[in-house]
Protein backbone atom coordinates (compact mmCIF):
# COMPACT_ATOMS: atom_id res chain seq x y z
CA MET A 1 45.20 -0.13 52.74
CA LEU A 2 43.73 2.84 50.93
CA LYS A 3 44.49 6.38 51.93
CA ASN A 4 40.87 6.88 53.07
CA ASN A 5 41.29 3.86 55.39
CA LYS A 6 38.68 1.81 53.57
CA ILE A 7 39.26 -1.88 52.97
CA ARG A 8 38.96 -2.57 49.24
CA VAL A 9 37.05 -5.83 48.81
CA ILE A 10 36.47 -7.54 45.48
CA PHE A 11 33.71 -10.15 45.54
CA ASN A 12 31.70 -12.26 43.11
CA ASP A 13 28.39 -10.54 42.44
CA ALA A 14 25.26 -11.59 40.54
CA HIS A 15 23.99 -10.12 37.28
CA ALA A 16 20.65 -9.27 38.85
CA ASN A 17 22.47 -6.79 41.08
CA LEU A 18 23.96 -4.75 38.24
CA PRO A 19 22.52 -1.22 37.87
CA ALA A 20 19.45 -1.25 35.63
CA SER A 21 19.70 -5.02 35.26
CA LEU A 22 16.80 -6.85 33.63
CA PHE A 23 17.68 -10.09 35.42
CA ILE A 24 15.48 -11.37 38.24
CA GLN A 25 17.37 -12.07 41.42
CA GLN A 26 17.47 -15.79 42.09
CA GLY A 27 19.20 -17.91 44.71
CA GLY A 28 20.94 -17.32 48.01
CA VAL A 29 24.23 -16.14 46.54
CA SER A 30 22.52 -13.36 44.55
CA SER A 31 20.35 -12.37 47.52
CA PHE A 32 23.31 -12.24 49.86
CA ALA A 33 25.36 -10.12 47.39
CA ARG A 34 22.56 -7.57 47.18
CA LYS A 35 22.28 -7.26 50.98
CA PHE A 36 26.08 -7.15 51.27
CA THR A 37 26.32 -4.32 48.73
CA ASN A 38 23.38 -2.36 50.16
CA TYR A 39 24.89 -2.46 53.63
CA PHE A 40 28.44 -1.44 52.80
CA LYS A 41 28.08 0.91 49.81
CA ASN A 42 26.96 3.83 51.98
CA LYS A 43 29.48 3.29 54.72
CA THR A 44 31.99 6.16 54.71
CA THR A 45 34.78 4.55 56.73
CA SER A 46 34.65 0.80 56.26
CA ILE A 47 34.52 -0.99 52.91
CA GLU A 48 35.06 -0.09 49.27
CA LEU A 49 33.34 -2.69 47.12
CA VAL A 50 34.30 -3.96 43.69
CA SER A 51 31.95 -6.47 42.00
CA LEU A 52 33.24 -9.23 39.78
CA LEU A 53 30.77 -11.07 37.51
CA PHE A 54 31.36 -14.12 35.34
CA SER A 55 29.36 -14.42 32.12
CA HIS A 56 28.96 -17.53 29.97
CA ASN A 57 28.96 -15.97 26.54
CA SER A 58 30.36 -17.80 23.52
CA HIS A 59 29.80 -14.95 21.10
CA ASN A 60 31.47 -12.08 22.97
CA ASN A 61 35.11 -11.50 22.07
CA LYS A 62 35.75 -9.05 24.91
CA ILE A 63 38.01 -10.29 27.68
CA TYR A 64 36.27 -8.18 30.32
CA THR A 65 34.29 -5.02 30.66
CA LYS A 66 33.85 -2.61 33.53
CA GLU A 67 31.14 -0.24 34.68
CA THR A 68 31.08 2.26 37.51
CA THR A 69 28.17 3.58 39.51
CA GLY A 70 29.32 6.19 42.01
CA ASP A 71 32.26 4.62 43.83
CA HIS A 72 31.12 1.07 43.05
CA LYS A 73 33.03 -0.63 40.21
CA TYR A 74 31.66 -3.64 38.30
CA TYR A 75 33.92 -5.94 36.28
CA GLU A 76 32.56 -8.64 34.00
CA LEU A 77 34.63 -11.51 32.66
CA TYR A 78 33.54 -13.80 29.81
CA TYR A 79 33.60 -17.58 29.48
CA PRO A 80 32.98 -19.39 26.22
CA ARG A 81 29.99 -21.41 27.50
CA GLU A 82 30.33 -24.54 25.40
CA LYS A 83 34.05 -24.89 25.99
CA ILE A 84 33.67 -24.67 29.74
CA THR A 85 30.53 -26.79 30.17
CA ASN A 86 31.75 -29.46 27.73
CA SER A 87 34.84 -29.85 29.85
CA TYR A 88 32.72 -31.18 32.71
CA LYS A 89 32.03 -34.38 30.75
CA LYS A 90 35.66 -35.03 29.80
CA GLU A 91 38.36 -36.98 31.61
CA TYR A 92 41.27 -34.78 32.72
CA THR A 93 44.15 -34.99 35.12
CA LYS A 94 44.26 -32.01 37.49
CA LYS A 95 47.39 -30.72 35.81
CA GLU A 96 45.68 -30.83 32.40
CA TYR A 97 42.61 -29.03 33.70
CA ILE A 98 44.59 -26.27 35.41
CA LYS A 99 46.40 -25.75 32.09
CA PHE A 100 42.98 -25.56 30.36
CA LEU A 101 41.92 -22.84 32.83
CA GLU A 102 45.06 -20.70 32.50
CA PRO A 103 43.50 -18.21 30.00
CA TRP A 104 40.79 -17.32 32.52
CA LEU A 105 43.26 -17.23 35.39
CA LYS A 106 45.16 -14.67 33.34
CA GLN A 107 42.00 -12.58 32.95
CA VAL A 108 41.31 -12.61 36.65
CA LYS A 109 44.98 -11.70 37.33
CA ASN A 110 44.69 -8.67 35.04
CA VAL A 111 41.60 -7.48 36.90
CA PHE A 112 43.18 -8.00 40.32
CA GLU A 113 46.31 -6.15 39.32
CA GLU A 114 44.22 -3.25 38.10
CA ILE A 115 42.01 -3.15 41.21
CA LYS A 116 44.67 -3.97 43.82
CA PRO A 117 42.18 -5.39 46.36
CA ASP A 118 43.01 -5.68 50.03
CA VAL A 119 40.71 -8.71 50.41
CA VAL A 120 39.14 -11.16 47.99
CA PHE A 121 35.76 -12.26 49.28
CA LEU A 122 34.21 -15.43 47.83
CA ASN A 123 30.43 -15.49 48.17
CA GLY A 124 29.96 -19.25 47.81
CA PHE A 125 32.22 -21.55 45.80
CA GLY A 126 32.40 -23.04 42.35
CA LEU A 127 34.69 -22.98 39.33
CA SER A 128 34.64 -19.19 38.84
CA ASN A 129 35.29 -18.62 42.54
CA TRP A 130 38.17 -21.03 42.43
CA LEU A 131 39.70 -18.84 39.71
CA MET A 132 39.52 -15.96 42.18
CA LEU A 133 40.96 -18.10 45.00
CA GLU A 134 43.87 -19.37 42.90
CA THR A 135 44.67 -15.91 41.52
CA ALA A 136 44.60 -14.32 44.97
CA HIS A 137 46.86 -17.12 46.27
CA ARG A 138 49.39 -16.56 43.52
CA LEU A 139 49.35 -12.77 44.13
CA LYS A 140 49.45 -13.27 47.92
CA ILE A 141 46.15 -11.45 48.50
CA PRO A 142 44.16 -12.64 51.54
CA VAL A 143 40.95 -14.52 50.79
CA CYS A 144 37.79 -14.80 52.86
CA ILE A 145 35.11 -17.26 51.81
CA GLN A 146 31.49 -17.60 52.90
CA HIS A 147 30.44 -21.24 52.45
CA ALA A 148 27.02 -20.74 50.88
CA GLY A 149 27.09 -24.35 49.86
CA ILE A 150 29.34 -27.40 49.78
CA TRP A 151 30.43 -28.13 46.23
CA LYS A 152 31.51 -31.74 46.76
CA LYS A 153 28.13 -32.54 48.28
CA GLU A 154 26.33 -31.12 45.27
CA LEU A 155 28.70 -32.85 42.83
CA ASN A 156 27.88 -36.17 44.45
CA ILE A 157 24.14 -35.52 44.14
CA SER A 158 24.44 -34.39 40.44
CA GLN A 159 26.94 -37.02 39.33
CA LYS A 160 25.51 -37.49 35.83
CA HIS A 161 26.51 -33.96 34.86
CA PHE A 162 30.24 -34.53 35.48
CA SER A 163 32.84 -37.11 34.53
CA SER A 164 34.42 -39.03 37.42
CA SER A 165 37.72 -37.18 36.97
CA MET A 166 36.02 -33.77 37.00
CA ARG A 167 34.16 -34.57 40.23
CA LYS A 168 37.48 -35.56 41.78
CA ILE A 169 39.22 -32.43 40.46
CA PHE A 170 36.45 -30.05 41.60
CA SER A 171 36.31 -31.69 45.03
CA GLY A 172 40.07 -31.21 45.31
CA LEU A 173 39.80 -27.57 44.31
CA GLU A 174 37.25 -27.02 47.08
CA LYS A 175 39.49 -28.71 49.63
CA GLU A 176 42.27 -26.24 48.68
CA ILE A 177 40.24 -23.59 50.46
CA ILE A 178 41.60 -24.81 53.80
CA LYS A 179 45.15 -23.99 52.80
CA LYS A 180 44.64 -21.02 50.48
CA ALA A 181 41.97 -18.96 52.30
CA SER A 182 42.78 -16.74 55.24
CA SER A 183 39.30 -16.89 56.73
CA LEU A 184 36.40 -19.35 56.35
CA ILE A 185 32.88 -18.28 57.25
CA PHE A 186 30.22 -20.95 57.72
CA LEU A 187 26.53 -20.17 58.05
CA ASN A 188 25.97 -22.68 60.83
CA GLU A 189 27.73 -25.51 62.63
CA PHE A 190 25.87 -28.03 60.48
CA SER A 191 27.56 -26.86 57.26
CA ARG A 192 30.95 -26.51 58.91
CA ASP A 193 30.81 -30.08 60.23
CA VAL A 194 29.60 -31.48 56.90
CA PHE A 195 32.37 -29.63 55.06
CA MET A 196 35.08 -30.94 57.39
CA SER A 197 33.71 -34.46 57.29
CA ILE A 198 33.23 -34.75 53.53
CA HIS A 199 36.78 -33.50 52.94
CA ASN A 200 38.26 -35.66 55.73
CA ILE A 201 39.60 -32.64 57.60
CA ASN A 202 40.46 -33.16 61.27
CA ILE A 203 38.35 -30.78 63.36
CA LYS A 204 41.37 -30.37 65.65
CA ASN A 205 43.49 -29.12 62.78
CA LYS A 206 45.02 -25.68 63.47
CA ASN A 207 43.35 -24.33 60.34
CA ILE A 208 39.99 -24.57 62.12
CA LEU A 209 41.10 -21.55 64.13
CA LYS A 210 40.45 -19.35 61.10
CA THR A 211 36.78 -20.37 60.81
CA SER A 212 33.80 -18.32 61.94
CA ILE A 213 30.09 -18.99 62.20
CA ILE A 214 28.09 -16.03 60.84
CA PRO A 215 24.46 -16.62 59.84
CA LEU A 216 22.77 -15.25 56.75
CA PRO A 217 21.25 -11.76 57.06
CA ILE A 218 17.57 -10.92 56.65
CA ASP A 219 16.51 -7.39 55.74
CA ILE A 220 12.75 -7.72 56.33
CA LYS A 221 11.83 -5.24 59.04
CA ASN A 222 8.20 -6.05 59.81
CA PHE A 223 7.77 -9.69 60.71
CA LYS A 224 4.22 -11.00 60.38
CA LYS A 225 2.46 -12.92 63.11
CA MET A 226 2.79 -16.70 62.72
CA HIS A 227 -0.51 -18.08 61.51
CA ILE A 228 -2.08 -21.29 60.20
CA PRO A 229 -5.71 -20.71 59.21
CA ASP A 230 -8.63 -23.03 59.85
CA GLN A 231 -9.87 -23.96 56.42
CA LYS A 232 -10.79 -26.92 54.22
CA HIS A 233 -8.11 -26.44 51.54
CA TYR A 234 -4.40 -25.64 51.99
CA ASN A 235 -1.73 -24.23 49.68
CA ILE A 236 1.82 -25.68 49.88
CA GLY A 237 4.49 -23.40 48.44
CA ILE A 238 8.04 -24.29 47.34
CA VAL A 239 10.80 -22.03 45.97
CA ALA A 240 13.53 -24.07 44.31
CA ARG A 241 15.83 -23.69 41.33
CA TRP A 242 15.73 -26.55 38.84
CA ASP A 243 18.36 -29.10 39.83
CA GLY A 244 18.73 -32.41 41.61
CA VAL A 245 19.82 -30.80 44.88
CA LYS A 246 16.44 -29.09 45.35
CA ASN A 247 14.66 -32.45 45.05
CA HIS A 248 11.74 -31.88 42.71
CA ASP A 249 11.26 -35.66 42.76
CA ALA A 250 9.96 -35.45 46.34
CA ILE A 251 7.59 -32.64 45.32
CA LEU A 252 6.24 -34.78 42.47
CA ARG A 253 5.76 -37.78 44.77
CA LEU A 254 3.71 -35.64 47.16
CA ALA A 255 1.71 -34.09 44.30
CA LYS A 256 0.88 -37.52 42.84
CA TYR A 257 -0.22 -38.81 46.24
CA VAL A 258 -2.41 -35.75 46.79
CA ARG A 259 -4.07 -36.20 43.37
CA LYS A 260 -4.55 -39.96 43.76
CA ASN A 261 -6.28 -39.54 47.11
CA ASN A 262 -8.16 -36.38 46.18
CA LEU A 263 -6.71 -34.48 49.14
CA PRO A 264 -7.49 -30.82 49.82
CA ILE A 265 -4.03 -29.50 48.93
CA SER A 266 -2.65 -27.41 46.08
CA ILE A 267 1.10 -27.25 45.33
CA GLN A 268 2.83 -24.26 43.74
CA VAL A 269 6.52 -24.22 42.87
CA VAL A 270 8.50 -21.15 41.99
CA THR A 271 11.18 -22.36 39.59
CA LYS A 272 12.82 -21.84 36.22
CA TRP A 273 13.14 -24.93 34.03
CA GLY A 274 16.57 -26.22 33.21
CA SER A 275 17.78 -27.79 29.97
CA SER A 276 15.52 -29.17 27.23
CA LYS A 277 16.70 -32.64 28.25
CA ILE A 278 14.13 -32.72 31.02
CA THR A 279 11.17 -32.07 28.71
CA LYS A 280 9.66 -35.54 29.38
CA TYR A 281 9.93 -35.01 33.14
CA LYS A 282 8.45 -31.55 32.85
CA THR A 283 5.44 -32.90 30.93
CA GLU A 284 4.63 -35.19 33.83
CA TYR A 285 5.53 -32.66 36.52
CA VAL A 286 3.16 -29.93 35.28
CA LYS A 287 0.23 -32.38 35.36
CA PHE A 288 0.43 -32.39 39.14
CA VAL A 289 2.20 -29.15 40.14
CA GLU A 290 1.48 -25.52 39.32
CA ILE A 291 4.65 -23.77 38.10
CA VAL A 292 5.16 -20.14 39.02
CA ASN A 293 7.81 -18.10 37.22
CA PRO A 294 10.70 -16.59 39.23
CA MET A 295 9.92 -13.13 40.56
CA SER A 296 11.48 -10.15 42.26
CA PRO A 297 12.31 -10.35 45.99
CA ASP A 298 9.31 -8.14 46.89
CA LYS A 299 6.89 -10.25 44.89
CA LEU A 300 8.40 -13.38 46.37
CA LEU A 301 7.33 -12.16 49.81
CA ASP A 302 3.81 -11.83 48.43
CA PHE A 303 4.07 -15.42 47.25
CA TYR A 304 4.96 -16.64 50.73
CA LYS A 305 2.00 -14.70 52.16
CA SER A 306 -0.34 -16.37 49.64
CA GLN A 307 0.66 -19.85 50.87
CA ASP A 308 -0.33 -21.67 54.04
CA ILE A 309 2.78 -23.84 54.42
CA ILE A 310 6.23 -23.60 52.85
CA MET A 311 8.26 -26.76 52.20
CA ILE A 312 12.00 -27.25 51.62
CA PRO A 313 12.57 -30.91 50.61
CA SER A 314 16.21 -30.44 49.43
CA ARG A 315 18.62 -33.33 49.26
CA PHE A 316 21.13 -30.88 50.75
CA ASP A 317 20.84 -27.19 51.57
CA VAL A 318 23.24 -25.25 53.78
CA SER A 319 20.98 -22.42 54.93
CA PRO A 320 18.16 -21.51 52.50
CA THR A 321 16.98 -17.93 52.72
CA VAL A 322 13.53 -19.27 51.85
CA LEU A 323 13.14 -20.42 55.45
CA MET A 324 13.99 -17.01 56.93
CA GLU A 325 11.77 -15.13 54.49
CA ALA A 326 8.82 -17.48 54.95
CA ILE A 327 9.13 -17.34 58.73
CA ALA A 328 9.30 -13.51 58.53
CA CYS A 329 6.03 -13.67 56.55
CA GLY A 330 4.43 -15.72 59.35
CA LYS A 331 4.41 -19.04 57.49
CA PRO A 332 5.24 -22.44 59.02
CA ILE A 333 7.93 -24.58 57.35
CA ILE A 334 8.49 -28.25 56.66
CA ILE A 335 12.15 -29.08 55.91
CA SER A 336 14.24 -32.11 55.00
CA LYS A 337 16.71 -33.51 57.48
CA ASN A 338 19.58 -32.33 55.22
CA VAL A 339 18.75 -28.62 55.51
CA GLY A 340 21.08 -26.52 57.66
CA TRP A 341 18.26 -25.22 59.86
CA ILE A 342 17.86 -28.73 61.29
CA SER A 343 19.58 -27.82 64.58
CA ASP A 344 17.02 -25.03 65.13
CA PHE A 345 14.18 -27.47 64.44
CA HIS A 346 15.64 -29.72 67.13
CA LYS A 347 16.15 -26.79 69.49
CA PHE A 348 12.55 -25.57 69.16
CA SER A 349 11.00 -29.08 69.19
CA LEU A 350 9.92 -29.01 65.55
CA ASP A 351 11.41 -32.47 64.85
CA LYS A 352 8.10 -33.94 63.66
CA LEU A 353 8.06 -31.42 60.82
CA VAL A 354 11.26 -32.84 59.32
CA ILE A 355 11.16 -35.23 56.37
CA ASP A 356 13.67 -37.53 54.76
CA PRO A 357 14.53 -36.36 51.20
CA ARG A 358 13.57 -39.84 50.00
CA SER A 359 10.19 -39.77 51.76
CA SER A 360 7.18 -41.13 49.94
CA GLY A 361 4.32 -38.83 49.03
CA GLU A 362 2.30 -40.41 51.80
CA ASP A 363 5.01 -39.82 54.40
CA ILE A 364 5.32 -36.16 53.43
CA TYR A 365 1.56 -35.76 53.61
CA ASN A 366 1.54 -37.28 57.09
CA VAL A 367 3.97 -34.56 58.20
CA ILE A 368 1.62 -31.93 56.75
CA LYS A 369 -1.24 -33.58 58.66
CA GLU A 370 0.82 -33.45 61.87
CA LEU A 371 1.33 -29.71 61.43
CA LEU A 372 -2.35 -29.02 60.71
CA LYS A 373 -3.60 -31.28 63.47
CA ASN A 374 -1.53 -29.44 66.14
CA LYS A 375 -1.59 -25.93 64.72
CA LYS A 376 -1.64 -24.05 68.01
CA VAL A 377 1.25 -26.01 69.46
CA TYR A 378 3.44 -25.48 66.41
CA ILE A 379 2.54 -21.82 66.10
CA LYS A 380 4.08 -21.19 69.53
CA LYS A 381 7.20 -23.12 68.59
CA PHE A 382 7.60 -21.26 65.29
CA GLU A 383 7.13 -17.98 67.12
CA LYS A 384 10.27 -18.75 69.16
CA LEU A 385 12.20 -19.58 65.98
CA GLN A 386 10.92 -16.35 64.44
CA GLN A 387 12.15 -14.34 67.43
CA LYS A 388 15.58 -15.95 67.16
CA ILE A 389 15.85 -15.12 63.45
CA ASN A 390 14.71 -11.56 64.04
CA LYS A 391 17.41 -11.09 66.67
CA LYS A 392 20.38 -13.11 65.35
CA ASN A 393 20.03 -12.59 61.59
CA ASN A 394 19.48 -8.85 61.37
CA VAL A 395 21.57 -7.14 58.69
CA LYS A 396 23.56 -4.83 60.94
CA LYS A 397 24.61 -7.62 63.32
CA VAL A 398 25.63 -9.94 60.50
CA PHE A 399 27.62 -7.46 58.43
CA GLU A 400 29.40 -5.89 61.36
CA ALA A 401 30.71 -9.42 62.00
CA TYR A 402 31.87 -9.54 58.39
CA TYR A 403 33.59 -6.18 58.73
CA LYS A 404 35.42 -7.47 61.78
CA VAL A 405 36.65 -10.49 59.80
CA PHE A 406 37.83 -8.31 56.89
CA LYS A 407 39.56 -5.87 59.26
CA ASN A 408 41.43 -8.66 61.05
CA ILE A 409 42.22 -10.85 58.05
């Protein structure tokens, strides 16, 4: 430990959280990192934070750079984009792929040896976070991970982007967490159980003793009153990055059904388009759906407030912050059955507002009709969910639980 009794924690940050960054914050990992930093950076006796960022840059010859703002250090490591992403399509053995990754493992090792962290904290999991996990394991530094998603689940959904051997290798790297991490934090029991099941891990295994359930934090102070207006036309809002997991196919099915039947509904989706390979799909999509460019967190709250209903049709989503933020803005939610908030929807009798990710446009519209037909009933149920989120997900409560984990790791 440091002389000032702070725990030095290195964690994977997001570029949008760099000082004076021009990036727009997107996604749960970036949002969590910002809240995490904001909470701990002013604490005088608890945590000293060091941010580690991974950049895909094929034209930068630097191994890594560092920047300091006050006591907060930022380290940035560079990948050659094409070399890394092209590897996803190739067939490797695990031994071959680990050898391929050794140059970047060496970079991470150099940073860790310079920083000398007490704890490595993984905010989510993926290839770059595995580099941190493996390096920490080799250097015998304790690792804590927050399971913001389940990589194997997403790999199975997005199979076309990876060779069969790479899906197997990446799934195996994720399973290594059980042996190599000192503490595993899940956002809810749903994600913990899915993780254990998909990796064939016995829930009675002694390693389960090092797991914790800590929900995501929300830093919105003034929750708005739940409300569904009486009107002739309704706006449906969706916030979803562009990939197969977020299920834009379901959104398009709904939009086509709405247009075909001349229904009083408009659909807006906050998203950023992916590769040029989906140009044909985009051409059809924009005929039926209004695209809204990604925006700052504050403006995103204004977006929620401009909508009447928020929908999360994901094929799989551990614990989307969209739900908390929309609920805080007083907006009702329709979710898919594969979203981690499903247990709360059961608890508060919101089951009829749950869709199957494969639902037809008509089936999704019928769920919307159910919500609008019984507005007063659902408002009361959503108010109870809102109260629970306000109490259980407040920033102080969540991050004090994290501090306890780091202190006892």
